[in-house]
């Protein structure tokens, strides 16, 4: 797995944690550590190329998870099978592919 892909996955995890902490605060509970999450997010985002970060941010605005794994050639975002030609390339290359159905960025687990 390449460094940018790892950074994107980490960024998504941090974004989800920030989102969940905001929801908990809306319920009236106090959460500590949000500022550390924001700092970590900024640091990780700085390691990602601008076009890729922009693409992630656009997808993230529409979908809860912008980057999802593919297991057994099935996108785990929309659960539809990916074309075998993309699956073969996705396993071998470090290039990010997009699901033809849901538009999410994909990475392969198997």
PDB file of N, CA and C in Angstrom:
ATOM      1  N   UNK A   1       0.851  -1.176   0.000  1.00  0.00           N
ATOM      2  CA  UNK A   1       0.000   0.000   0.000  1.00  0.00           C
ATOM      3  C   UNK A   1       0.896   1.238   0.000  1.00  0.00           C
ATOM      4  N   UNK A   2       0.599   2.193  -0.878  1.00  0.00           N
ATOM      5  CA  UNK A   2       1.449   3.380  -0.949  1.00  0.00           C
ATOM      6  C   UNK A   2       1.134   4.359   0.176  1.00  0.00           C
ATOM      7  N   UNK A   3       2.040   5.300   0.373  1.00  0.00           N
ATOM      8  CA  UNK A   3       1.940   6.240   1.502  1.00  0.00           C
ATOM      9  C   UNK A   3       0.711   7.140   1.410  1.00  0.00           C
ATOM     10  N   UNK A   4       0.366   7.600   0.209  1.00  0.00           N
ATOM     11  CA  UNK A   4      -0.800   8.464   0.061  1.00  0.00           C
ATOM     12  C   UNK A   4      -2.092   7.720   0.372  1.00  0.00           C
ATOM     13  N   UNK A   5      -2.173   6.483  -0.032  1.00  0.00           N
ATOM     14  CA  UNK A   5      -3.353   5.675   0.260  1.00  0.00           C
ATOM     15  C   UNK A   5      -3.493   5.478   1.770  1.00  0.00           C
ATOM     16  N   UNK A   6      -2.387   5.171   2.432  1.00  0.00           N
ATOM     17  CA  UNK A   6      -2.417   5.028   3.886  1.00  0.00           C
ATOM     18  C   UNK A   6      -2.839   6.332   4.553  1.00  0.00           C
ATOM     19  N   UNK A   7      -2.331   7.450   4.047  1.00  0.00           N
ATOM     20  CA  UNK A   7      -2.690   8.756   4.604  1.00  0.00           C
ATOM     21  C   UNK A   7      -4.175   9.045   4.392  1.00  0.00           C
ATOM     22  N   UNK A   8      -4.710   8.695   3.227  1.00  0.00           N
ATOM     23  CA  UNK A   8      -6.140   8.901   2.957  1.00  0.00           C
ATOM     24  C   UNK A   8      -7.018   8.081   3.898  1.00  0.00           C
ATOM     25  N   UNK A   9      -6.639   6.841   4.114  1.00  0.00           N
ATOM     26  CA  UNK A   9      -7.413   5.978   5.004  1.00  0.00           C
ATOM     27  C   UNK A   9      -7.356   6.514   6.435  1.00  0.00           C
ATOM     28  N   UNK A  10      -6.185   6.960   6.860  1.00  0.00           N
ATOM     29  CA  UNK A  10      -6.037   7.540   8.193  1.00  0.00           C
ATOM     30  C   UNK A  10      -6.845   8.822   8.312  1.00  0.00           C
ATOM     31  N   UNK A  11      -6.802   9.652   7.276  1.00  0.00           N
ATOM     32  CA  UNK A  11      -7.573  10.898   7.272  1.00  0.00           C
ATOM     33  C   UNK A  11      -9.070  10.611   7.399  1.00  0.00           C
ATOM     34  N   UNK A  12      -9.545   9.620   6.684  1.00  0.00           N
ATOM     35  CA  UNK A  12     -10.955   9.258   6.773  1.00  0.00           C
ATOM     36  C   UNK A  12     -11.303   8.790   8.187  1.00  0.00           C
ATOM     37  N   UNK A  13     -10.428   7.988   8.799  1.00  0.00           N
ATOM     38  CA  UNK A  13     -10.681   7.524  10.165  1.00  0.00           C
ATOM     39  C   UNK A  13     -10.754   8.694  11.142  1.00  0.00           C
ATOM     40  N   UNK A  14      -9.858   9.658  10.983  1.00  0.00           N
ATOM     41  CA  UNK A  14      -9.866  10.838  11.857  1.00  0.00           C
ATOM     42  C   UNK A  14     -11.131  11.655  11.622  1.00  0.00           C
ATOM     43  N   UNK A  15     -11.511  11.827  10.359  1.00  0.00           N
ATOM     44  CA  UNK A  15     -12.742  12.565  10.053  1.00  0.00           C
ATOM     45  C   UNK A  15     -13.954  11.904  10.701  1.00  0.00           C
ATOM     46  N   UNK A  16     -13.999  10.575  10.660  1.00  0.00           N
ATOM     47  CA  UNK A  16     -15.112   9.856  11.279  1.00  0.00           C
ATOM     48  C   UNK A  16     -15.109  10.033  12.802  1.00  0.00           C
ATOM     49  N   UNK A  17     -13.916  10.029  13.419  1.00  0.00           N
ATOM     50  CA  UNK A  17     -13.833  10.249  14.862  1.00  0.00           C
ATOM     51  C   UNK A  17     -14.286  11.656  15.235  1.00  0.00           C
ATOM     52  N   UNK A  18     -13.888  12.647  14.436  1.00  0.00           N
ATOM     53  CA  UNK A  18     -14.306  14.032  14.696  1.00  0.00           C
ATOM     54  C   UNK A  18     -15.820  14.146  14.568  1.00  0.00           C
ATOM     55  N   UNK A  19     -16.369  13.541  13.535  1.00  0.00           N
ATOM     56  CA  UNK A  19     -17.814  13.575  13.316  1.00  0.00           C
ATOM     57  C   UNK A  19     -18.566  12.921  14.481  1.00  0.00           C
ATOM     58  N   UNK A  20     -18.076  11.782  14.934  1.00  0.00           N
ATOM     59  CA  UNK A  20     -18.724  11.084  16.047  1.00  0.00           C
ATOM     60  C   UNK A  20     -18.624  11.882  17.344  1.00  0.00           C
ATOM     61  N   UNK A  21     -17.485  12.528  17.581  1.00  0.00           N
ATOM     62  CA  UNK A  21     -17.341  13.323  18.798  1.00  0.00           C
ATOM     63  C   UNK A  21     -18.277  14.531  18.764  1.00  0.00           C
ATOM     64  N   UNK A  22     -18.484  15.114  17.588  1.00  0.00           N
ATOM     65  CA  UNK A  22     -19.434  16.225  17.464  1.00  0.00           C
ATOM     66  C   UNK A  22     -20.859  15.768  17.762  1.00  0.00           C
ATOM     67  N   UNK A  23     -21.211  14.573  17.314  1.00  0.00           N
ATOM     68  CA  UNK A  23     -22.538  14.040  17.582  1.00  0.00           C
ATOM     69  C   UNK A  23     -22.734  13.771  19.079  1.00  0.00           C
ATOM     70  N   UNK A  24     -21.697  13.289  19.740  1.00  0.00           N
ATOM     71  CA  UNK A  24     -21.781  13.026  21.180  1.00  0.00           C
ATOM     72  C   UNK A  24     -21.920  14.337  21.943  1.00  0.00           C
ATOM     73  N   UNK A  25     -21.197  15.375  21.492  1.00  0.00           N
ATOM     74  CA  UNK A  25     -21.308  16.682  22.150  1.00  0.00           C
ATOM     75  C   UNK A  25     -22.710  17.263  21.994  1.00  0.00           C
ATOM     76  N   UNK A  26     -23.353  17.003  20.873  1.00  0.00           N
ATOM     77  CA  UNK A  26     -24.727  17.474  20.662  1.00  0.00           C
ATOM     78  C   UNK A  26     -25.693  16.848  21.654  1.00  0.00           C
ATOM     79  N   UNK A  27     -25.338  15.673  22.153  1.00  0.00           N
ATOM     80  CA  UNK A  27     -26.173  14.995  23.138  1.00  0.00           C
ATOM     81  C   UNK A  27     -25.962  15.538  24.545  1.00  0.00           C
ATOM     82  N   UNK A  28     -24.978  16.422  24.706  1.00  0.00           N
ATOM     83  CA  UNK A  28     -24.744  17.053  25.996  1.00  0.00           C
ATOM     84  C   UNK A  28     -23.560  16.509  26.767  1.00  0.00           C
ATOM     85  N   UNK A  29     -22.790  15.624  26.188  1.00  0.00           N
ATOM     86  CA  UNK A  29     -21.608  15.085  26.852  1.00  0.00           C
ATOM     87  C   UNK A  29     -20.384  15.883  26.442  1.00  0.00           C
ATOM     88  N   UNK A  30     -19.437  16.013  27.347  1.00  0.00           N
ATOM     89  CA  UNK A  30     -18.218  16.743  27.004  1.00  0.00           C
ATOM     90  C   UNK A  30     -17.163  15.749  26.515  1.00  0.00           C
ATOM     91  N   UNK A  31     -16.480  16.133  25.478  1.00  0.00           N
ATOM     92  CA  UNK A  31     -15.449  15.301  24.858  1.00  0.00           C
ATOM     93  C   UNK A  31     -14.140  16.073  24.902  1.00  0.00           C
ATOM     94  N   UNK A  32     -13.073  15.410  25.323  1.00  0.00           N
ATOM     95  CA  UNK A  32     -11.752  16.039  25.293  1.00  0.00           C
ATOM     96  C   UNK A  32     -10.944  15.401  24.168  1.00  0.00           C
ATOM     97  N   UNK A  33      -9.991  16.129  23.667  1.00  0.00           N
ATOM     98  CA  UNK A  33      -9.117  15.599  22.631  1.00  0.00           C
ATOM     99  C   UNK A  33      -9.496  15.979  21.219  1.00  0.00           C
ATOM    100  N   UNK A  34     -10.551  16.765  21.047  1.00  0.00           N
ATOM    101  CA  UNK A  34     -10.959  17.154  19.693  1.00  0.00           C
ATOM    102  C   UNK A  34      -9.902  18.021  19.015  1.00  0.00           C
ATOM    103  N   UNK A  35      -9.251  18.864  19.787  1.00  0.00           N
ATOM    104  CA  UNK A  35      -8.226  19.735  19.202  1.00  0.00           C
ATOM    105  C   UNK A  35      -7.036  18.914  18.713  1.00  0.00           C
ATOM    106  N   UNK A  36      -6.707  17.834  19.429  1.00  0.00           N
ATOM    107  CA  UNK A  36      -5.616  16.955  18.985  1.00  0.00           C
ATOM    108  C   UNK A  36      -5.992  16.241  17.686  1.00  0.00           C
ATOM    109  N   UNK A  37      -7.254  15.864  17.574  1.00  0.00           N
ATOM    110  CA  UNK A  37      -7.718  15.236  16.334  1.00  0.00           C
ATOM    111  C   UNK A  37      -7.628  16.206  15.166  1.00  0.00           C
ATOM    112  N   UNK A  38      -8.011  17.465  15.398  1.00  0.00           N
ATOM    113  CA  UNK A  38      -7.940  18.484  14.347  1.00  0.00           C
ATOM    114  C   UNK A  38      -6.493  18.714  13.900  1.00  0.00           C
ATOM    115  N   UNK A  39      -5.562  18.755  14.868  1.00  0.00           N
ATOM    116  CA  UNK A  39      -4.138  18.936  14.538  1.00  0.00           C
ATOM    117  C   UNK A  39      -3.619  17.751  13.735  1.00  0.00           C
ATOM    118  N   UNK A  40      -3.982  16.542  14.159  1.00  0.00           N
ATOM    119  CA  UNK A  40      -3.553  15.344  13.441  1.00  0.00           C
ATOM    120  C   UNK A  40      -4.124  15.336  12.026  1.00  0.00           C
ATOM    121  N   UNK A  41      -5.366  15.780  11.886  1.00  0.00           N
ATOM    122  CA  UNK A  41      -5.990  15.833  10.564  1.00  0.00           C
ATOM    123  C   UNK A  41      -5.236  16.784   9.646  1.00  0.00           C
ATOM    124  N   UNK A  42      -4.882  17.963  10.167  1.00  0.00           N
ATOM    125  CA  UNK A  42      -4.138  18.941   9.364  1.00  0.00           C
ATOM    126  C   UNK A  42      -2.786  18.384   8.937  1.00  0.00           C
ATOM    127  N   UNK A  43      -2.109  17.702   9.843  1.00  0.00           N
ATOM    128  CA  UNK A  43      -0.789  17.158   9.526  1.00  0.00           C
ATOM    129  C   UNK A  43      -0.882  16.076   8.457  1.00  0.00           C
ATOM    130  N   UNK A  44      -1.856  15.197   8.582  1.00  0.00           N
ATOM    131  CA  UNK A  44      -2.019  14.118   7.598  1.00  0.00           C
ATOM    132  C   UNK A  44      -2.477  14.684   6.261  1.00  0.00           C
ATOM    133  N   UNK A  45      -3.373  15.643   6.280  1.00  0.00           N
ATOM    134  CA  UNK A  45      -3.852  16.253   5.031  1.00  0.00           C
ATOM    135  C   UNK A  45      -2.720  16.938   4.280  1.00  0.00           C
ATOM    136  N   UNK A  46      -1.744  17.457   4.997  1.00  0.00           N
ATOM    137  CA  UNK A  46      -0.621  18.130   4.338  1.00  0.00           C
ATOM    138  C   UNK A  46       0.270  17.152   3.575  1.00  0.00           C
ATOM    139  N   UNK A  47       0.181  15.865   3.892  1.00  0.00           N
ATOM    140  CA  UNK A  47       0.995  14.847   3.212  1.00  0.00           C
ATOM    141  C   UNK A  47       0.350  14.329   1.933  1.00  0.00           C
ATOM    142  N   UNK A  48      -0.882  14.729   1.672  1.00  0.00           N
ATOM    143  CA  UNK A  48      -1.623  14.239   0.506  1.00  0.00           C
ATOM    144  C   UNK A  48      -1.599  15.314  -0.580  1.00  0.00           C
ATOM    145  N   UNK A  49      -1.384  14.889  -1.819  1.00  0.00           N
ATOM    146  CA  UNK A  49      -1.371  15.835  -2.937  1.00  0.00           C
ATOM    147  C   UNK A  49      -2.717  16.548  -3.024  1.00  0.00           C
ATOM    148  N   UNK A  50      -2.671  17.815  -3.398  1.00  0.00           N
ATOM    149  CA  UNK A  50      -3.871  18.662  -3.422  1.00  0.00           C
ATOM    150  C   UNK A  50      -5.010  18.098  -4.279  1.00  0.00           C
ATOM    151  N   UNK A  51      -4.757  17.632  -5.511  1.00  0.00           N
ATOM    152  CA  UNK A  51      -5.883  17.113  -6.315  1.00  0.00           C
ATOM    153  C   UNK A  51      -6.560  15.903  -5.660  1.00  0.00           C
ATOM    154  N   UNK A  52      -5.761  15.026  -5.069  1.00  0.00           N
ATOM    155  CA  UNK A  52      -6.311  13.848  -4.417  1.00  0.00           C
ATOM    156  C   UNK A  52      -7.082  14.243  -3.158  1.00  0.00           C
ATOM    157  N   UNK A  53      -6.558  15.191  -2.410  1.00  0.00           N
ATOM    158  CA  UNK A  53      -7.250  15.677  -1.210  1.00  0.00           C
ATOM    159  C   UNK A  53      -8.564  16.352  -1.585  1.00  0.00           C
ATOM    160  N   UNK A  54      -8.561  17.130  -2.667  1.00  0.00           N
ATOM    161  CA  UNK A  54      -9.785  17.787  -3.139  1.00  0.00           C
ATOM    162  C   UNK A  54     -10.834  16.747  -3.532  1.00  0.00           C
ATOM    163  N   UNK A  55     -10.392  15.715  -4.232  1.00  0.00           N
ATOM    164  CA  UNK A  55     -11.295  14.634  -4.643  1.00  0.00           C
ATOM    165  C   UNK A  55     -11.892  13.945  -3.417  1.00  0.00           C
ATOM    166  N   UNK A  56     -11.043  13.671  -2.423  1.00  0.00           N
ATOM    167  CA  UNK A  56     -11.516  13.050  -1.179  1.00  0.00           C
ATOM    168  C   UNK A  56     -12.539  13.951  -0.485  1.00  0.00           C
ATOM    169  N   UNK A  57     -12.237  15.239  -0.375  1.00  0.00           N
ATOM    170  CA  UNK A  57     -13.132  16.174   0.313  1.00  0.00           C
ATOM    171  C   UNK A  57     -14.491  16.267  -0.384  1.00  0.00           C
ATOM    172  N   UNK A  58     -14.484  16.264  -1.719  1.00  0.00           N
ATOM    173  CA  UNK A  58     -15.739  16.302  -2.471  1.00  0.00           C
ATOM    174  C   UNK A  58     -16.585  15.066  -2.208  1.00  0.00           C
ATOM    175  N   UNK A  59     -15.942  13.896  -2.228  1.00  0.00           N
ATOM    176  CA  UNK A  59     -16.661  12.655  -1.958  1.00  0.00           C
ATOM    177  C   UNK A  59     -17.148  12.609  -0.516  1.00  0.00           C
ATOM    178  N   UNK A  60     -16.330  13.082   0.384  1.00  0.00           N
ATOM    179  CA  UNK A  60     -16.649  13.060   1.817  1.00  0.00           C
ATOM    180  C   UNK A  60     -17.848  13.956   2.124  1.00  0.00           C
ATOM    181  N   UNK A  61     -18.027  14.995   1.336  1.00  0.00           N
ATOM    182  CA  UNK A  61     -19.170  15.883   1.543  1.00  0.00           C
ATOM    183  C   UNK A  61     -20.487  15.169   1.219  1.00  0.00           C
ATOM    184  N   UNK A  62     -20.424  14.177   0.310  1.00  0.00           N
ATOM    185  CA  UNK A  62     -21.627  13.460  -0.097  1.00  0.00           C
ATOM    186  C   UNK A  62     -21.809  12.134   0.631  1.00  0.00           C
ATOM    187  N   UNK A  63     -20.689  11.474   0.928  1.00  0.00           N
ATOM    188  CA  UNK A  63     -20.732  10.119   1.472  1.00  0.00           C
ATOM    189  C   UNK A  63     -20.011  10.055   2.816  1.00  0.00           C
ATOM    190  N   UNK A  64     -20.483   9.196   3.691  1.00  0.00           N
ATOM    191  CA  UNK A  64     -19.821   9.060   4.990  1.00  0.00           C
ATOM    192  C   UNK A  64     -18.410   8.495   4.821  1.00  0.00           C
ATOM    193  N   UNK A  65     -18.269   7.518   3.956  1.00  0.00           N
ATOM    194  CA  UNK A  65     -16.955   6.935   3.662  1.00  0.00           C
ATOM    195  C   UNK A  65     -16.624   7.188   2.200  1.00  0.00           C
ATOM    196  N   UNK A  66     -15.546   7.922   1.967  1.00  0.00           N
ATOM    197  CA  UNK A  66     -15.148   8.271   0.610  1.00  0.00           C
ATOM    198  C   UNK A  66     -14.209   7.244   0.006  1.00  0.00           C
ATOM    199  N   UNK A  67     -13.490   6.524   0.848  1.00  0.00           N
ATOM    200  CA  UNK A  67     -12.563   5.501   0.371  1.00  0.00           C
ATOM    201  C   UNK A  67     -12.890   4.203   1.091  1.00  0.00           C
ATOM    202  N   UNK A  68     -13.116   3.155   0.299  1.00  0.00           N
ATOM    203  CA  UNK A  68     -13.549   1.878   0.864  1.00  0.00           C
ATOM    204  C   UNK A  68     -12.713   0.737   0.296  1.00  0.00           C
ATOM    205  N   UNK A  69     -12.631  -0.360   1.042  1.00  0.00           N
ATOM    206  CA  UNK A  69     -11.909  -1.522   0.526  1.00  0.00           C
ATOM    207  C   UNK A  69     -12.729  -2.321  -0.475  1.00  0.00           C
ATOM    208  N   UNK A  70     -12.021  -3.131  -1.240  1.00  0.00           N
ATOM    209  CA  UNK A  70     -12.641  -4.089  -2.161  1.00  0.00           C
ATOM    210  C   UNK A  70     -12.211  -5.467  -1.686  1.00  0.00           C
ATOM    211  N   UNK A  71     -13.171  -6.313  -1.453  1.00  0.00           N
ATOM    212  CA  UNK A  71     -12.895  -7.680  -1.008  1.00  0.00           C
ATOM    213  C   UNK A  71     -13.583  -8.625  -1.977  1.00  0.00           C
ATOM    214  N   UNK A  72     -12.825  -9.572  -2.522  1.00  0.00           N
ATOM    215  CA  UNK A  72     -13.362 -10.529  -3.509  1.00  0.00           C
ATOM    216  C   UNK A  72     -14.028  -9.802  -4.682  1.00  0.00           C
ATOM    217  N   UNK A  73     -13.403  -8.715  -5.125  1.00  0.00           N
ATOM    218  CA  UNK A  73     -13.880  -7.894  -6.249  1.00  0.00           C
ATOM    219  C   UNK A  73     -15.213  -7.216  -5.984  1.00  0.00           C
ATOM    220  N   UNK A  74     -15.593  -7.055  -4.723  1.00  0.00           N
ATOM    221  CA  UNK A  74     -16.843  -6.383  -4.370  1.00  0.00           C
ATOM    222  C   UNK A  74     -16.523  -5.109  -3.608  1.00  0.00           C
ATOM    223  N   UNK A  75     -17.042  -3.985  -4.098  1.00  0.00           N
ATOM    224  CA  UNK A  75     -16.893  -2.696  -3.425  1.00  0.00           C
ATOM    225  C   UNK A  75     -17.666  -2.772  -2.113  1.00  0.00           C
ATOM    226  N   UNK A  76     -17.011  -2.500  -0.996  1.00  0.00           N
ATOM    227  CA  UNK A  76     -17.682  -2.574   0.293  1.00  0.00           C
ATOM    228  C   UNK A  76     -18.389  -1.268   0.648  1.00  0.00           C
ATOM    229  N   UNK A  77     -18.513  -0.379  -0.331  1.00  0.00           N
ATOM    230  CA  UNK A  77     -19.316   0.818  -0.161  1.00  0.00           C
ATOM    231  C   UNK A  77     -20.721   0.613  -0.677  1.00  0.00           C
ATOM    232  N   UNK A  78     -20.820   0.030  -1.883  1.00  0.00           N
ATOM    233  CA  UNK A  78     -22.138  -0.191  -2.501  1.00  0.00           C
ATOM    234  C   UNK A  78     -22.445  -1.669  -2.706  1.00  0.00           C
ATOM    235  N   UNK A  79     -21.470  -2.536  -2.439  1.00  0.00           N
ATOM    236  CA  UNK A  79     -21.616  -3.992  -2.509  1.00  0.00           C
ATOM    237  C   UNK A  79     -21.891  -4.515  -3.912  1.00  0.00           C
ATOM    238  N   UNK A  80     -21.369  -3.822  -4.905  1.00  0.00           N
ATOM    239  CA  UNK A  80     -21.470  -4.325  -6.276  1.00  0.00           C
ATOM    240  C   UNK A  80     -20.105  -4.815  -6.740  1.00  0.00           C
ATOM    241  N   UNK A  81     -20.137  -5.857  -7.567  1.00  0.00           N
ATOM    242  CA  UNK A  81     -18.906  -6.451  -8.087  1.00  0.00           C
ATOM    243  C   UNK A  81     -18.225  -5.485  -9.051  1.00  0.00           C
ATOM    244  N   UNK A  82     -16.906  -5.411  -8.931  1.00  0.00           N
ATOM    245  CA  UNK A  82     -16.107  -4.580  -9.814  1.00  0.00           C
ATOM    246  C   UNK A  82     -15.681  -5.388 -11.035  1.00  0.00           C
ATOM    247  N   UNK A  83     -15.479  -4.722 -12.157  1.00  0.00           N
ATOM    248  CA  UNK A  83     -15.008  -5.444 -13.347  1.00  0.00           C
ATOM    249  C   UNK A  83     -13.677  -6.139 -13.067  1.00  0.00           C
ATOM    250  N   UNK A  84     -13.495  -7.313 -13.628  1.00  0.00           N
ATOM    251  CA  UNK A  84     -12.283  -8.080 -13.359  1.00  0.00           C
ATOM    252  C   UNK A  84     -11.030  -7.366 -13.845  1.00  0.00           C
ATOM    253  N   UNK A  85     -11.143  -6.569 -14.904  1.00  0.00           N
ATOM    254  CA  UNK A  85      -9.967  -5.840 -15.400  1.00  0.00           C
ATOM    255  C   UNK A  85      -9.480  -4.823 -14.368  1.00  0.00           C
ATOM    256  N   UNK A  86     -10.398  -4.160 -13.681  1.00  0.00           N
ATOM    257  CA  UNK A  86     -10.014  -3.200 -12.650  1.00  0.00           C
ATOM    258  C   UNK A  86      -9.453  -3.938 -11.441  1.00  0.00           C
ATOM    259  N   UNK A  87     -10.043  -5.080 -11.101  1.00  0.00           N
ATOM    260  CA  UNK A  87      -9.572  -5.858  -9.961  1.00  0.00           C
ATOM    261  C   UNK A  87      -8.141  -6.315 -10.118  1.00  0.00           C
ATOM    262  N   UNK A  88      -7.785  -6.763 -11.304  1.00  0.00           N
ATOM    263  CA  UNK A  88      -6.411  -7.217 -11.546  1.00  0.00           C
ATOM    264  C   UNK A  88      -5.431  -6.056 -11.424  1.00  0.00           C
ATOM    265  N   UNK A  89      -5.783  -4.909 -11.987  1.00  0.00           N
ATOM    266  CA  UNK A  89      -4.911  -3.736 -11.898  1.00  0.00           C
ATOM    267  C   UNK A  89      -4.840  -3.212 -10.473  1.00  0.00           C
ATOM    268  N   UNK A  90      -5.952  -3.215  -9.768  1.00  0.00           N
ATOM    269  CA  UNK A  90      -6.017  -2.686  -8.414  1.00  0.00           C
ATOM    270  C   UNK A  90      -5.153  -3.445  -7.434  1.00  0.00           C
ATOM    271  N   UNK A  91      -5.030  -4.751  -7.634  1.00  0.00           N
ATOM    272  CA  UNK A  91      -4.194  -5.558  -6.750  1.00  0.00           C
ATOM    273  C   UNK A  91      -2.713  -5.322  -7.004  1.00  0.00           C
ATOM    274  N   UNK A  92      -2.354  -5.038  -8.239  1.00  0.00           N
ATOM    275  CA  UNK A  92      -0.954  -4.916  -8.622  1.00  0.00           C
ATOM    276  C   UNK A  92      -0.407  -3.504  -8.464  1.00  0.00           C
ATOM    277  N   UNK A  93      -1.200  -2.518  -8.784  1.00  0.00           N
ATOM    278  CA  UNK A  93      -0.712  -1.143  -8.839  1.00  0.00           C
ATOM    279  C   UNK A  93      -1.038  -0.384  -7.564  1.00  0.00           C
ATOM    280  N   UNK A  94      -0.330   0.714  -7.393  1.00  0.00           N
ATOM    281  CA  UNK A  94      -0.589   1.565  -6.236  1.00  0.00           C
ATOM    282  C   UNK A  94      -1.537   2.708  -6.602  1.00  0.00           C
ATOM    283  N   UNK A  95      -2.069   2.666  -7.822  1.00  0.00           N
ATOM    284  CA  UNK A  95      -3.001   3.697  -8.286  1.00  0.00           C
ATOM    285  C   UNK A  95      -4.362   3.513  -7.630  1.00  0.00           C
ATOM    286  N   UNK A  96      -5.022   4.628  -7.326  1.00  0.00           N
ATOM    287  CA  UNK A  96      -6.366   4.569  -6.759  1.00  0.00           C
ATOM    288  C   UNK A  96      -7.385   4.453  -7.880  1.00  0.00           C
ATOM    289  N   UNK A  97      -8.330   3.561  -7.708  1.00  0.00           N
ATOM    290  CA  UNK A  97      -9.394   3.389  -8.671  1.00  0.00           C
ATOM    291  C   UNK A  97     -10.697   3.868  -8.061  1.00  0.00           C
ATOM    292  N   UNK A  98     -11.674   4.108  -8.913  1.00  0.00           N
ATOM    293  CA  UNK A  98     -12.978   4.584  -8.480  1.00  0.00           C
ATOM    294  C   UNK A  98     -14.035   3.541  -8.825  1.00  0.00           C
ATOM    295  N   UNK A  99     -14.951   3.329  -7.911  1.00  0.00           N
ATOM    296  CA  UNK A  99     -16.065   2.412  -8.166  1.00  0.00           C
ATOM    297  C   UNK A  99     -16.943   3.026  -9.249  1.00  0.00           C
ATOM    298  N   UNK A 100     -17.254   2.227 -10.254  1.00  0.00           N
ATOM    299  CA  UNK A 100     -18.073   2.716 -11.359  1.00  0.00           C
ATOM    300  C   UNK A 100     -19.514   2.977 -10.941  1.00  0.00           C
ATOM    301  N   UNK A 101     -19.947   2.367  -9.840  1.00  0.00           N
ATOM    302  CA  UNK A 101     -21.324   2.528  -9.401  1.00  0.00           C
ATOM    303  C   UNK A 101     -21.477   3.692  -8.413  1.00  0.00           C
ATOM    304  N   UNK A 102     -20.739   3.665  -7.309  1.00  0.00           N
ATOM    305  CA  UNK A 102     -20.952   4.660  -6.250  1.00  0.00           C
ATOM    306  C   UNK A 102     -19.965   5.821  -6.299  1.00  0.00           C
ATOM    307  N   UNK A 103     -18.866   5.696  -7.045  1.00  0.00           N
ATOM    308  CA  UNK A 103     -17.914   6.780  -7.186  1.00  0.00           C
ATOM    309  C   UNK A 103     -16.868   6.863  -6.088  1.00  0.00           C
ATOM    310  N   UNK A 104     -16.917   5.940  -5.117  1.00  0.00           N
ATOM    311  CA  UNK A 104     -15.930   5.963  -4.035  1.00  0.00           C
ATOM    312  C   UNK A 104     -14.554   5.539  -4.546  1.00  0.00           C
ATOM    313  N   UNK A 105     -13.516   6.010  -3.846  1.00  0.00           N
ATOM    314  CA  UNK A 105     -12.157   5.563  -4.130  1.00  0.00           C
ATOM    315  C   UNK A 105     -11.986   4.172  -3.523  1.00  0.00           C
ATOM    316  N   UNK A 106     -11.252   3.318  -4.208  1.00  0.00           N
ATOM    317  CA  UNK A 106     -11.142   1.921  -3.817  1.00  0.00           C
ATOM    318  C   UNK A 106      -9.704   1.522  -3.514  1.00  0.00           C
ATOM    319  N   UNK A 107      -9.555   0.587  -2.594  1.00  0.00           N
ATOM    320  CA  UNK A 107      -8.281  -0.109  -2.379  1.00  0.00           C
ATOM    321  C   UNK A 107      -8.596  -1.564  -2.113  1.00  0.00           C
ATOM    322  N   UNK A 108      -7.659  -2.429  -2.480  1.00  0.00           N
ATOM    323  CA  UNK A 108      -7.895  -3.872  -2.421  1.00  0.00           C
ATOM    324  C   UNK A 108      -7.332  -4.477  -1.157  1.00  0.00           C
ATOM    325  N   UNK A 109      -8.120  -5.368  -0.537  1.00  0.00           N
ATOM    326  CA  UNK A 109      -7.684  -6.086   0.656  1.00  0.00           C
ATOM    327  C   UNK A 109      -7.038  -7.422   0.316  1.00  0.00           C
ATOM    328  N   UNK A 110      -7.479  -8.053  -0.764  1.00  0.00           N
ATOM    329  CA  UNK A 110      -6.986  -9.386  -1.071  1.00  0.00           C
ATOM    330  C   UNK A 110      -5.980  -9.376  -2.187  1.00  0.00           C
TER     331      UNK A 110
END
